[in-house]
Amino acid sequence: MAEGSPLRWLFFGCGAVGGYFGARLAEKGQKVSFMVRKETLRAVAFDGVRVQSICGDLQIPREKLDQVVNTEELDKEAKFDADVIVLACKAWEVERCLRMCAPWCGEKTVVLPLQNGVDGMNTARSIVTSWGKGHPLVGWCNIVAAIQEPGLIKHWAANPPAVYFGEFEGQATARTKQLETIFAACKGVAVHLEPDALCACWEKFSFICSTTAVQATAGPTATQNLIPQVPELEQMWRSAMQEIMAVARAHGINYKEEWIEKRIPVLAEAVGATTSCSRDLWAGRHSELEDLLGSAHRMGLAKGVPTPVISTCYRTLTVRDRVARREVTMPIYPMMEGQKILGTICNHRGQQLPADRTLVQKKAEEFLRPEWFVCPMSSAIASGGQSEIPEGVHMMWEAEMGVVISHRCEKLSVEEAMNYVGGYCVVLDLTGGNLGFETMKYGMSWTRNKCQSSFKPVGRFIPAGELPDPEKVRIGCRVNGKTVASDEISRMKFSIAEQVADASELTPLQRGDILLTGAGSLGPLAMGDLVEGYIEGLDAKYTVSTKLVPKPKKRKADAAKL
């Protein structure tokens, strides 16, 4: 290759890591190719890569990229010897992804892994060495970013993002030094060519592992800057760091005691930052838990080094990770786990929006896709509770089937949708008949009449196996013991699969979210009424009920205290 000519880079993945650093390199004229699939493939092949960053936004159009490689049709893709293969995948994906990159690895190709942890790095070294070609490096990065949408990366902390790498042994090669020079020329990138890269990688591993242990266990409010502010969290973090230091030393790593103190200001300055593993665990996605805490736990066992904090956090969090991977089946408790309720409007054939209350009186048959309103789960109450009705509000009943989501999902196809339905529940979609409708005549939202506290009584979770054909059931409703409705689910304009797919396109769905499929009928309620919703022929334990009671009035301030 001629001196000064650009290198050919192959990035496996165009997510938070690959998308950001690949775009920065392309901005400097490097020949960057991405190996991607599905939505990301379509986005990058059409629009290129976009980055929204605190270091400056950029857009790399498709024509400024080299190849966009489809991982699902690798046999059809043109091959070239990459100068650098960058593994921008998760740690557990390293082996699969690296084997897919093998046809692009030449004699002089440098393989740069950017995963968290040490397991993926060792796996990459072992595989590349077995090929008898290519040169593996120790590598990792520091960035706080996420995929905003396919092809669009949002970076909001770690300023600037940094790339760290070096040799497993010996002095840096000429090519490794060349990578340092290229990264150093990129805007919004800090580069560190480490003389003792293996040792430095272990130091990063201890930091990210300990920080994840504290954050993921404590919850989303435990951002990195909070850890040194709360003595209990800082002590937990220090204990975890000490444990991994001991494991590192048992592996012959020269871990220096003062490195812990240097990390405290890093935590304090990372305002609002969370580790990617923590975010994945909270969101119900596959995570690097096994490659971080799990790895430290297992290495401690193998070396006879106690790791009580790390091991306890690992055992606490492992169920979350295994549920996300569908390795275990756990009961779903929507009232505890659910984040939101999405309800459909006018979803039964023959229905029409009320002429006196809405801006446009559309019929169900006219809707081209489901129309949603969104309630927080705080609007819901468990079956048997009391629905508190504001003074002067005329209530209406609707009994509906709720579809309960089993795993985090987004942008599902109709064919995929039912794989994410964990079960069902009966929900009373109570509506304030004279509350909020005055604004809806002008096109405003359904929020005030639908989403008030206690307006969504939720029945017991019904496992999917209890309703093998949910669209053939009938939903009944009783008021004060008298049957007032018996509606066929089969009259829905949009099927359950169509609704799940559309809702997942609208917003990411979480485990425990409830989708209301719409009611076939509605009617009036009075204060003191007992209303029940049920699936005909199903065990009575799944019936949902509530009694309407007056909402307590706000107490006036004690004049003596003013």
Protein backbone atom coordinates (compact mmCIF):
# COMPACT_ATOMS: atom_id res chain seq x y z
CA MET A 1 0.00 0.00 0.00
CA ALA A 2 1.34 3.44 -0.94
CA GLU A 3 2.49 5.68 1.88
CA GLY A 4 -0.33 7.93 3.07
CA SER A 5 -3.06 6.15 1.12
CA PRO A 6 -6.18 5.27 3.14
CA LEU A 7 -6.54 1.88 4.79
CA ARG A 8 -9.45 -0.44 4.09
CA TRP A 9 -11.45 -0.97 7.29
CA LEU A 10 -14.12 -3.61 7.78
CA PHE A 11 -16.37 -2.91 10.76
CA PHE A 12 -18.50 -5.78 11.94
CA GLY A 13 -21.57 -3.88 13.15
CA CYS A 14 -22.82 -0.33 12.84
CA GLY A 15 -24.14 0.16 16.34
CA ALA A 16 -23.04 2.58 19.04
CA VAL A 17 -19.37 1.56 18.75
CA GLY A 18 -18.97 0.61 15.10
CA GLY A 19 -21.20 3.36 13.77
CA TYR A 20 -19.47 6.09 15.74
CA PHE A 21 -15.82 5.19 15.15
CA GLY A 22 -16.46 4.02 11.58
CA ALA A 23 -18.10 7.34 10.71
CA ARG A 24 -15.24 9.31 12.26
CA LEU A 25 -12.70 7.36 10.20
CA ALA A 26 -14.73 7.78 7.00
CA GLU A 27 -14.88 11.51 7.70
CA LYS A 28 -11.06 11.55 7.48
CA GLY A 29 -11.05 9.76 4.15
CA GLN A 30 -10.45 6.19 5.30
CA LYS A 31 -12.12 3.44 3.21
CA VAL A 32 -14.71 2.12 5.64
CA SER A 33 -16.96 -0.89 5.00
CA PHE A 34 -19.72 -2.08 7.34
CA MET A 35 -20.90 -5.66 7.77
CA VAL A 36 -24.58 -5.37 8.78
CA ARG A 37 -28.04 -6.89 8.24
CA LYS A 38 -31.79 -6.24 8.03
CA GLU A 39 -32.91 -2.70 9.01
CA THR A 40 -29.35 -1.46 9.52
CA LEU A 41 -28.34 -2.83 6.12
CA ARG A 42 -31.20 -1.00 4.44
CA ALA A 43 -30.51 2.25 6.32
CA VAL A 44 -26.75 2.32 5.72
CA ALA A 45 -27.03 1.17 2.10
CA PHE A 46 -29.44 4.03 1.40
CA ASP A 47 -28.50 6.89 3.74
CA GLY A 48 -25.03 6.00 4.99
CA VAL A 49 -24.23 6.66 8.66
CA ARG A 50 -25.34 9.57 10.81
CA VAL A 51 -23.97 10.59 14.21
CA GLN A 52 -25.47 13.00 16.74
CA SER A 53 -22.68 13.73 19.18
CA ILE A 54 -21.57 16.14 21.88
CA CYS A 55 -18.30 16.19 19.91
CA GLY A 56 -20.08 17.41 16.78
CA ASP A 57 -22.66 15.87 14.47
CA LEU A 58 -21.73 14.32 11.15
CA GLN A 59 -23.30 12.48 8.26
CA ILE A 60 -21.43 10.09 6.01
CA PRO A 61 -23.47 9.54 2.84
CA ARG A 62 -23.44 6.14 1.20
CA GLU A 63 -21.10 7.26 -1.57
CA LYS A 64 -18.41 8.12 1.01
CA LEU A 65 -18.39 4.54 2.31
CA ASP A 66 -16.67 1.53 0.75
CA GLN A 67 -18.80 -1.64 0.82
CA VAL A 68 -21.99 -2.32 2.77
CA VAL A 69 -21.83 -6.07 3.34
CA ASN A 70 -24.96 -8.13 3.98
CA THR A 71 -24.16 -10.68 6.69
CA GLU A 72 -27.08 -12.83 5.55
CA GLU A 73 -25.70 -13.24 2.00
CA LEU A 74 -21.93 -13.33 2.53
CA ASP A 75 -21.41 -15.76 -0.33
CA LYS A 76 -22.67 -13.10 -2.75
CA GLU A 77 -20.47 -10.29 -1.43
CA ALA A 78 -17.21 -9.21 -3.08
CA LYS A 79 -14.17 -10.12 -0.98
CA PHE A 80 -11.09 -8.02 -0.31
CA ASP A 81 -8.19 -8.22 2.11
CA ALA A 82 -9.04 -5.71 4.82
CA ASP A 83 -6.18 -3.78 6.36
CA VAL A 84 -8.14 -3.64 9.62
CA ILE A 85 -11.08 -5.73 10.85
CA VAL A 86 -12.85 -4.02 13.75
CA LEU A 87 -15.10 -6.21 15.89
CA ALA A 88 -17.76 -3.75 17.03
CA CYS A 89 -20.10 -6.47 18.30
CA LYS A 90 -20.99 -7.61 21.80
CA ALA A 91 -18.56 -9.86 23.67
CA TRP A 92 -20.73 -12.98 23.38
CA GLU A 93 -20.87 -12.53 19.59
CA VAL A 94 -17.11 -12.42 18.97
CA GLU A 95 -16.61 -16.00 17.82
CA ARG A 96 -19.57 -16.02 15.40
CA CYS A 97 -18.79 -12.57 14.02
CA LEU A 98 -15.08 -13.20 13.59
CA ARG A 99 -15.72 -16.39 11.64
CA MET A 100 -17.99 -14.41 9.31
CA CYS A 101 -15.16 -11.93 8.77
CA ALA A 102 -12.61 -14.67 7.95
CA PRO A 103 -12.85 -14.31 4.13
CA TRP A 104 -11.80 -10.66 4.46
CA CYS A 105 -8.72 -11.45 6.61
CA GLY A 106 -5.43 -11.38 4.71
CA GLU A 107 -1.84 -12.10 5.73
CA LYS A 108 -1.30 -8.57 7.05
CA THR A 109 -4.80 -7.81 8.34
CA VAL A 110 -4.94 -6.35 11.84
CA VAL A 111 -7.89 -7.57 13.94
CA LEU A 112 -9.01 -5.01 16.52
CA PRO A 113 -11.66 -6.11 19.09
CA LEU A 114 -13.53 -3.32 20.90
CA GLN A 115 -15.62 -5.37 23.35
CA ASN A 116 -15.97 -5.04 27.09
CA GLY A 117 -14.28 -7.72 29.17
CA VAL A 118 -11.32 -10.00 28.58
CA ASP A 119 -13.05 -13.17 27.35
CA GLY A 120 -13.87 -11.79 23.89
CA MET A 121 -10.35 -10.49 23.44
CA ASN A 122 -8.84 -13.89 24.27
CA THR A 123 -11.35 -15.61 21.97
CA ALA A 124 -10.40 -13.31 19.09
CA ARG A 125 -6.71 -13.97 19.66
CA SER A 126 -7.21 -17.73 19.68
CA ILE A 127 -9.30 -17.79 16.48
CA VAL A 128 -7.07 -15.44 14.46
CA THR A 129 -3.97 -17.35 15.55
CA SER A 130 -5.57 -20.61 14.39
CA TRP A 131 -6.05 -19.14 10.90
CA GLY A 132 -2.32 -18.67 10.41
CA LYS A 133 -2.95 -15.22 8.99
CA GLY A 134 -3.86 -11.84 10.40
CA HIS A 135 -2.54 -10.08 13.49
CA PRO A 136 -4.77 -9.83 16.61
CA LEU A 137 -4.50 -6.87 18.95
CA VAL A 138 -5.68 -6.19 22.47
CA GLY A 139 -8.38 -3.54 22.16
CA TRP A 140 -11.31 -1.82 23.82
CA CYS A 141 -13.05 1.55 23.84
CA ASN A 142 -14.83 4.06 26.05
CA ILE A 143 -18.02 5.59 24.68
CA VAL A 144 -21.52 6.27 26.00
CA ALA A 145 -23.77 6.03 22.97
CA ALA A 146 -26.74 4.12 21.59
CA ILE A 147 -28.57 3.41 18.35
CA GLN A 148 -31.21 6.10 17.94
CA GLU A 149 -32.52 4.29 14.88
CA PRO A 150 -30.82 2.05 12.30
CA GLY A 151 -27.92 4.02 10.83
CA LEU A 152 -28.22 6.84 13.40
CA ILE A 153 -25.97 6.86 16.48
CA LYS A 154 -26.52 9.19 19.43
CA HIS A 155 -23.47 9.90 21.61
CA TRP A 156 -24.08 11.82 24.84
CA ALA A 157 -21.27 11.14 27.32
CA ALA A 158 -17.51 10.38 27.39
CA ASN A 159 -15.99 13.41 25.70
CA PRO A 160 -14.29 12.48 23.49
CA PRO A 161 -14.85 8.75 23.03
CA ALA A 162 -11.57 6.85 23.24
CA VAL A 163 -10.02 3.83 21.53
CA TYR A 164 -7.36 1.82 23.38
CA PHE A 165 -5.21 -0.88 21.84
CA GLY A 166 -1.80 -2.51 21.79
CA GLU A 167 0.09 -5.75 21.33
CA PHE A 168 -0.40 -8.89 23.38
CA GLU A 169 3.39 -9.04 23.76
CA GLY A 170 6.34 -6.98 22.63
CA GLN A 171 6.67 -3.60 20.98
CA ALA A 172 4.05 -2.00 18.76
CA THR A 173 4.40 -2.88 15.08
CA ALA A 174 4.58 -0.30 12.30
CA ARG A 175 0.97 -1.05 11.35
CA THR A 176 -0.21 -0.67 14.97
CA LYS A 177 1.53 2.72 15.16
CA GLN A 178 -0.13 3.67 11.87
CA LEU A 179 -3.54 2.98 13.42
CA GLU A 180 -2.64 5.31 16.27
CA THR A 181 -1.79 8.08 13.79
CA ILE A 182 -5.02 7.59 11.85
CA PHE A 183 -7.25 7.61 14.94
CA ALA A 184 -5.41 10.66 16.32
CA ALA A 185 -6.31 12.62 13.18
CA CYS A 186 -10.05 11.93 13.64
CA LYS A 187 -12.30 14.55 15.15
CA GLY A 188 -14.13 13.41 18.30
CA VAL A 189 -11.77 10.51 19.01
CA ALA A 190 -9.03 10.07 21.62
CA VAL A 191 -6.53 7.28 20.97
CA HIS A 192 -4.25 5.43 23.39
CA LEU A 193 -1.58 3.05 22.14
CA GLU A 194 -0.89 1.10 25.32
CA PRO A 195 2.65 -0.21 25.98
CA ASP A 196 1.23 -2.86 28.35
CA ALA A 197 -2.17 -3.33 26.71
CA LEU A 198 -3.10 -6.56 28.47
CA CYS A 199 -2.62 -4.99 31.89
CA ALA A 200 -4.53 -1.84 30.87
CA CYS A 201 -7.36 -3.97 29.48
CA TRP A 202 -7.73 -5.72 32.83
CA GLU A 203 -7.87 -2.32 34.53
CA LYS A 204 -10.72 -1.26 32.23
CA PHE A 205 -12.40 -4.63 32.80
CA SER A 206 -12.32 -4.13 36.56
CA PHE A 207 -13.79 -0.65 36.24
CA ILE A 208 -16.62 -1.50 33.84
CA CYS A 209 -17.41 -4.72 35.71
CA SER A 210 -17.55 -3.05 39.15
CA THR A 211 -19.50 -0.07 37.85
CA THR A 212 -22.00 -2.36 36.15
CA ALA A 213 -22.37 -4.42 39.33
CA VAL A 214 -23.33 -1.29 41.30
CA GLN A 215 -25.42 0.43 38.64
CA ALA A 216 -27.37 -2.53 37.33
CA THR A 217 -28.22 -3.75 40.83
CA ALA A 218 -29.09 -0.31 42.24
CA GLY A 219 -31.24 0.67 39.27
CA PRO A 220 -31.40 3.33 36.56
CA THR A 221 -31.00 6.26 38.97
CA ALA A 222 -27.52 5.09 40.01
CA THR A 223 -25.62 6.93 37.29
CA GLN A 224 -21.84 6.84 37.43
CA ASN A 225 -21.51 10.30 38.99
CA LEU A 226 -23.83 9.23 41.83
CA ILE A 227 -21.55 6.40 42.99
CA PRO A 228 -18.90 8.60 44.70
CA GLN A 229 -21.68 10.77 46.17
CA VAL A 230 -23.34 7.92 48.08
CA PRO A 231 -21.01 6.29 50.65
CA GLU A 232 -22.76 2.93 50.51
CA LEU A 233 -22.51 2.77 46.72
CA GLU A 234 -18.88 3.87 46.72
CA GLN A 235 -17.97 1.22 49.30
CA MET A 236 -19.74 -1.44 47.25
CA TRP A 237 -17.89 -0.27 44.14
CA ARG A 238 -14.51 -0.25 45.91
CA SER A 239 -15.09 -3.76 47.26
CA ALA A 240 -15.94 -5.01 43.78
CA MET A 241 -12.82 -3.35 42.37
CA GLN A 242 -10.63 -4.95 45.05
CA GLU A 243 -12.06 -8.37 44.22
CA ILE A 244 -11.25 -8.09 40.51
CA MET A 245 -7.82 -6.70 41.31
CA ALA A 246 -7.14 -9.89 43.27
CA VAL A 247 -8.38 -12.00 40.34
CA ALA A 248 -6.15 -10.03 37.95
CA ARG A 249 -3.09 -10.55 40.12
CA ALA A 250 -3.85 -14.26 40.27
CA HIS A 251 -3.57 -14.18 36.45
CA GLY A 252 -0.17 -12.48 36.59
CA ILE A 253 -1.44 -8.96 35.90
CA ASN A 254 0.44 -6.14 37.62
CA TYR A 255 -2.60 -4.27 38.92
CA LYS A 256 -1.56 -1.08 40.74
CA GLU A 257 -3.41 0.00 43.87
CA GLU A 258 -3.48 3.67 42.88
CA TRP A 259 -5.56 2.90 39.79
CA ILE A 260 -8.66 2.76 41.95
CA GLU A 261 -8.25 6.35 43.13
CA LYS A 262 -7.73 7.56 39.57
CA ARG A 263 -11.12 6.14 38.65
CA ILE A 264 -13.05 8.14 41.29
CA PRO A 265 -12.88 11.44 39.34
CA VAL A 266 -13.81 9.51 36.19
CA LEU A 267 -17.01 8.41 37.95
CA ALA A 268 -17.70 11.90 39.29
CA GLU A 269 -17.34 13.50 35.86
CA ALA A 270 -19.55 10.94 34.06
CA VAL A 271 -22.77 12.85 34.76
CA GLY A 272 -25.78 10.83 33.66
CA ALA A 273 -23.63 8.00 32.29
CA THR A 274 -24.54 4.34 32.61
CA THR A 275 -22.79 1.25 31.29
CA SER A 276 -24.20 -0.40 28.17
CA CYS A 277 -24.58 -3.68 30.09
CA SER A 278 -26.70 -1.93 32.73
CA ARG A 279 -28.90 -0.31 30.09
CA ASP A 280 -29.38 -3.63 28.33
CA LEU A 281 -30.35 -5.39 31.56
CA TRP A 282 -32.88 -2.73 32.50
CA ALA A 283 -34.37 -2.73 29.01
CA GLY A 284 -34.72 -6.52 28.84
CA ARG A 285 -32.16 -6.92 26.04
CA HIS A 286 -29.36 -9.46 25.72
CA SER A 287 -26.47 -8.16 27.81
CA GLU A 288 -22.77 -8.71 28.46
CA LEU A 289 -23.47 -9.85 32.02
CA GLU A 290 -21.82 -13.25 31.46
CA ASP A 291 -18.78 -11.61 29.86
CA LEU A 292 -18.35 -9.11 32.70
CA LEU A 293 -19.63 -10.18 36.12
CA GLY A 294 -20.01 -13.82 35.10
CA SER A 295 -16.44 -13.93 33.81
CA ALA A 296 -15.04 -12.37 37.00
CA HIS A 297 -17.09 -14.78 39.12
CA ARG A 298 -15.86 -17.84 37.21
CA MET A 299 -12.23 -16.71 37.13
CA GLY A 300 -12.36 -16.10 40.88
CA LEU A 301 -13.66 -19.63 41.44
CA ALA A 302 -10.98 -21.10 39.18
CA LYS A 303 -8.17 -19.28 41.03
CA GLY A 304 -9.62 -19.69 44.51
CA VAL A 305 -10.08 -15.90 44.87
CA PRO A 306 -13.25 -14.85 46.80
CA THR A 307 -15.50 -12.39 44.92
CA PRO A 308 -18.51 -11.94 47.24
CA VAL A 309 -19.77 -8.60 45.88
CA ILE A 310 -19.30 -9.44 42.21
CA SER A 311 -20.75 -12.93 42.64
CA THR A 312 -23.78 -11.70 44.59
CA CYS A 313 -24.57 -9.04 41.97
CA TYR A 314 -24.04 -11.57 39.19
CA ARG A 315 -26.46 -14.05 40.78
CA THR A 316 -28.97 -11.25 41.40
CA LEU A 317 -28.92 -10.05 37.79
CA THR A 318 -28.60 -13.36 35.96
CA VAL A 319 -32.36 -14.02 35.85
CA ARG A 320 -32.87 -10.76 33.92
CA ASP A 321 -30.29 -11.78 31.36
CA ARG A 322 -31.61 -15.32 31.00
CA VAL A 323 -35.18 -14.13 30.55
CA ALA A 324 -34.02 -11.77 27.79
CA ARG A 325 -32.24 -14.68 26.10
CA ARG A 326 -35.31 -16.92 26.56
CA GLU A 327 -33.19 -19.41 28.48
CA VAL A 328 -35.74 -19.52 31.30
CA THR A 329 -39.49 -19.03 31.43
CA MET A 330 -40.70 -16.81 34.24
CA PRO A 331 -44.21 -15.72 35.22
CA ILE A 332 -45.17 -12.24 34.06
CA TYR A 333 -46.79 -9.87 36.51
CA PRO A 334 -47.85 -6.89 34.38
CA MET A 335 -48.72 -4.65 37.32
CA MET A 336 -45.21 -5.09 38.70
CA GLU A 337 -43.14 -5.36 35.53
CA GLY A 338 -45.13 -3.41 32.98
CA GLN A 339 -44.05 0.01 31.88
CA LYS A 340 -47.10 1.13 29.95
CA ILE A 341 -50.53 0.32 28.58
CA LEU A 342 -51.33 0.97 24.92
CA GLY A 343 -54.99 1.01 24.00
CA THR A 344 -56.58 0.84 20.56
CA ILE A 345 -59.44 3.10 19.53
CA CYS A 346 -62.38 2.00 17.37
CA ASN A 347 -60.98 -1.46 16.62
CA HIS A 348 -64.20 -3.44 16.14
CA ARG A 349 -65.93 -3.57 12.78
CA GLY A 350 -69.03 -1.42 12.61
CA GLN A 351 -67.77 1.07 15.21
CA GLN A 352 -67.46 4.82 14.63
CA LEU A 353 -65.95 7.62 16.66
CA PRO A 354 -68.73 9.67 18.36
CA ALA A 355 -69.84 12.58 16.21
CA ASP A 356 -70.48 14.90 19.14
CA ARG A 357 -67.10 14.31 20.80
CA THR A 358 -64.40 13.97 18.17
CA LEU A 359 -63.04 16.11 15.37
CA VAL A 360 -63.36 13.44 12.68
CA GLN A 361 -66.00 10.70 12.85
CA LYS A 362 -63.97 7.88 11.28
CA LYS A 363 -65.37 4.38 11.04
CA ALA A 364 -63.33 1.35 12.09
CA GLU A 365 -63.15 0.19 8.47
CA GLU A 366 -61.49 3.48 7.49
CA PHE A 367 -58.47 3.05 9.78
CA LEU A 368 -55.40 1.89 7.84
CA ARG A 369 -53.52 0.97 11.02
CA PRO A 370 -54.36 0.81 14.74
CA GLU A 371 -54.84 4.12 16.50
CA TRP A 372 -53.26 4.16 19.97
CA PHE A 373 -53.52 6.02 23.25
CA VAL A 374 -50.85 5.43 25.88
CA CYS A 375 -51.28 5.15 29.65
CA PRO A 376 -48.57 4.80 32.27
CA MET A 377 -48.86 1.65 34.36
CA SER A 378 -49.57 3.96 37.31
CA SER A 379 -53.06 4.37 35.82
CA ALA A 380 -53.74 0.71 36.56
CA ILE A 381 -54.98 -1.02 39.69
CA ALA A 382 -55.22 -4.72 40.49
CA SER A 383 -58.54 -6.53 40.20
CA GLY A 384 -60.73 -5.99 43.25
CA GLY A 385 -59.47 -2.48 43.87
CA GLN A 386 -61.53 0.68 43.89
CA SER A 387 -61.68 3.07 40.94
CA GLU A 388 -61.67 6.61 42.27
CA ILE A 389 -63.89 8.86 40.17
CA PRO A 390 -63.49 12.66 40.17
CA GLU A 391 -66.57 14.65 41.21
CA GLY A 392 -69.09 15.19 38.41
CA VAL A 393 -67.50 12.77 35.96
CA HIS A 394 -69.84 10.38 34.12
CA MET A 395 -68.09 7.05 33.65
CA MET A 396 -68.41 4.41 30.94
CA TRP A 397 -67.36 0.76 30.98
CA GLU A 398 -65.43 -1.18 28.36
CA ALA A 399 -64.17 -4.73 28.95
CA GLU A 400 -61.19 -5.67 26.80
CA MET A 401 -58.60 -8.34 26.25
CA GLY A 402 -55.10 -7.21 27.21
CA VAL A 403 -52.15 -8.70 25.35
CA VAL A 404 -49.10 -9.03 27.62
CA ILE A 405 -45.65 -8.70 26.03
CA SER A 406 -43.11 -11.34 27.07
CA HIS A 407 -39.80 -9.85 25.86
CA ARG A 408 -38.45 -6.52 24.74
CA CYS A 409 -39.12 -5.97 21.05
CA GLU A 410 -39.36 -3.31 18.38
CA LYS A 411 -40.13 -3.09 14.68
CA LEU A 412 -41.61 -6.59 14.53
CA SER A 413 -43.17 -8.07 11.46
CA VAL A 414 -46.68 -9.52 11.71
CA GLU A 415 -45.12 -12.98 11.29
CA GLU A 416 -42.80 -12.43 14.29
CA ALA A 417 -45.31 -10.72 16.56
CA MET A 418 -46.93 -13.68 18.34
CA ASN A 419 -43.48 -14.89 19.47
CA TYR A 420 -43.48 -11.91 21.83
CA VAL A 421 -46.90 -12.50 23.37
CA GLY A 422 -46.47 -14.06 26.79
CA GLY A 423 -50.16 -14.21 27.64
CA TYR A 424 -53.27 -12.17 28.24
CA CYS A 425 -55.37 -10.46 30.90
CA VAL A 426 -58.82 -8.91 31.04
CA VAL A 427 -58.78 -5.14 31.53
CA LEU A 428 -61.56 -2.72 32.32
CA ASP A 429 -60.90 0.31 30.15
CA LEU A 430 -62.87 2.86 32.16
CA THR A 431 -63.53 6.15 30.38
CA GLY A 432 -64.64 9.53 31.64
CA GLY A 433 -67.59 10.28 29.35
CA ASN A 434 -67.57 14.02 30.02
CA LEU A 435 -63.88 14.36 30.87
CA GLY A 436 -61.47 15.54 28.22
CA PHE A 437 -63.87 15.12 25.32
CA GLU A 438 -64.38 18.87 25.09
CA THR A 439 -60.79 19.17 23.80
CA MET A 440 -61.01 16.08 21.59
CA LYS A 441 -63.52 17.91 19.41
CA TYR A 442 -60.52 20.00 18.37
CA GLY A 443 -58.30 16.99 17.68
CA MET A 444 -56.68 16.77 21.11
CA SER A 445 -55.63 13.54 22.83
CA TRP A 446 -57.54 10.85 24.74
CA THR A 447 -55.33 11.26 27.80
CA ARG A 448 -57.55 12.99 30.37
CA ASN A 449 -60.56 10.70 29.95
CA LYS A 450 -58.53 7.46 29.73
CA CYS A 451 -55.36 7.70 31.79
CA GLN A 452 -56.42 8.89 35.22
CA SER A 453 -55.28 6.99 38.26
CA SER A 454 -57.29 3.76 38.82
CA PHE A 455 -59.09 3.97 35.44
CA LYS A 456 -57.47 0.72 34.26
CA PRO A 457 -58.31 -2.27 36.53
CA VAL A 458 -56.17 -5.23 35.39
CA GLY A 459 -57.05 -8.88 35.86
CA ARG A 460 -54.81 -11.83 36.60
CA PHE A 461 -52.21 -12.88 34.01
CA ILE A 462 -53.43 -15.67 31.72
CA PRO A 463 -50.54 -17.75 30.27
CA ALA A 464 -50.68 -17.99 26.48
CA GLY A 465 -51.19 -21.75 26.77
CA GLU A 466 -54.54 -21.16 28.47
CA LEU A 467 -55.82 -19.39 25.33
CA PRO A 468 -54.38 -21.24 22.32
CA ASP A 469 -56.79 -19.41 19.98
CA PRO A 470 -57.35 -16.00 21.62
CA GLU A 471 -59.25 -14.49 18.70
CA LYS A 472 -62.11 -16.98 19.08
CA VAL A 473 -63.07 -16.01 22.64
CA ARG A 474 -65.83 -13.71 23.83
CA ILE A 475 -65.32 -10.90 26.34
CA GLY A 476 -68.18 -10.36 28.76
CA CYS A 477 -69.02 -7.51 31.09
CA ARG A 478 -71.32 -7.37 34.13
CA VAL A 479 -72.51 -4.34 36.07
CA ASN A 480 -73.89 -5.11 39.52
CA GLY A 481 -74.20 -8.74 38.51
CA LYS A 482 -76.18 -8.08 35.30
CA THR A 483 -74.59 -9.05 31.98
CA VAL A 484 -74.32 -5.97 29.77
CA ALA A 485 -71.96 -7.19 27.00
CA SER A 486 -70.74 -10.32 25.24
CA ASP A 487 -68.34 -9.30 22.47
CA GLU A 488 -66.58 -11.46 19.90
CA ILE A 489 -62.84 -10.80 19.64
CA SER A 490 -63.03 -12.02 16.02
CA ARG A 491 -64.81 -8.75 15.11
CA MET A 492 -61.57 -6.80 15.57
CA LYS A 493 -60.46 -4.75 12.59
CA PHE A 494 -56.80 -5.50 13.35
CA SER A 495 -55.66 -8.91 14.59
CA ILE A 496 -53.56 -9.37 17.72
CA ALA A 497 -50.46 -9.99 15.59
CA GLU A 498 -51.12 -6.84 13.54
CA GLN A 499 -51.58 -4.80 16.71
CA VAL A 500 -48.38 -6.10 18.33
CA ALA A 501 -46.38 -5.44 15.16
CA ASP A 502 -47.77 -1.93 14.79
CA ALA A 503 -47.25 -1.04 18.45
CA SER A 504 -43.64 -2.27 18.27
CA GLU A 505 -43.13 0.00 15.27
CA LEU A 506 -44.52 2.93 17.24
CA THR A 507 -42.34 2.43 20.32
CA PRO A 508 -40.13 -0.30 21.82
CA LEU A 509 -42.23 -2.70 23.87
CA GLN A 510 -41.04 -4.08 27.21
CA ARG A 511 -41.76 -7.28 29.08
CA GLY A 512 -45.05 -6.78 30.95
CA ASP A 513 -46.42 -4.03 28.66
CA ILE A 514 -50.15 -4.45 27.98
CA LEU A 515 -51.85 -3.80 24.65
CA LEU A 516 -55.62 -3.30 24.88
CA THR A 517 -57.30 -4.77 21.81
CA GLY A 518 -60.42 -2.60 21.95
CA ALA A 519 -63.97 -3.15 23.15
CA GLY A 520 -66.96 -4.15 21.07
CA SER A 521 -69.37 -2.15 23.22
CA LEU A 522 -69.56 0.33 26.09
CA GLY A 523 -72.13 1.65 28.50
CA PRO A 524 -72.76 3.99 31.43
CA LEU A 525 -71.72 3.55 35.06
CA ALA A 526 -72.85 5.21 38.27
CA MET A 527 -71.07 5.81 41.53
CA GLY A 528 -71.08 2.67 43.66
CA ASP A 529 -71.44 0.30 40.69
CA LEU A 530 -69.50 -2.96 40.71
CA VAL A 531 -68.24 -3.73 37.20
CA GLU A 532 -66.64 -7.01 36.08
CA GLY A 533 -64.90 -8.11 32.90
CA TYR A 534 -64.27 -11.74 31.98
CA ILE A 535 -63.56 -14.20 29.19
CA GLU A 536 -66.55 -16.46 28.73
CA GLY A 537 -65.83 -20.04 29.77
CA LEU A 538 -62.53 -19.22 31.45
CA ASP A 539 -61.81 -19.81 35.14
CA ALA A 540 -63.37 -17.10 37.34
CA LYS A 541 -59.95 -16.35 38.87
CA TYR A 542 -59.16 -14.41 35.68
CA THR A 543 -62.19 -12.10 36.07
CA VAL A 544 -61.33 -8.46 36.72
CA SER A 545 -63.55 -6.33 38.93
CA THR A 546 -63.69 -2.88 40.46
CA LYS A 547 -66.10 -0.71 42.40
CA LEU A 548 -66.59 2.95 41.59
CA VAL A 549 -66.05 5.27 44.55
CA PRO A 550 -65.71 9.06 44.83
CA LYS A 551 -62.18 10.35 44.46
CA PRO A 552 -61.07 11.92 47.75
CA LYS A 553 -61.06 15.67 47.58
CA LYS A 554 -57.84 17.55 48.06
CA ARG A 555 -57.53 18.81 51.60
CA LYS A 556 -57.42 22.55 51.89
CA ALA A 557 -54.30 23.97 53.47
CA ASP A 558 -54.64 24.58 57.18
CA ALA A 559 -55.07 28.33 57.42
CA ALA A 560 -53.11 28.36 60.66
CA LYS A 561 -50.05 27.03 58.85
CA LEU A 562 -50.11 29.62 56.07
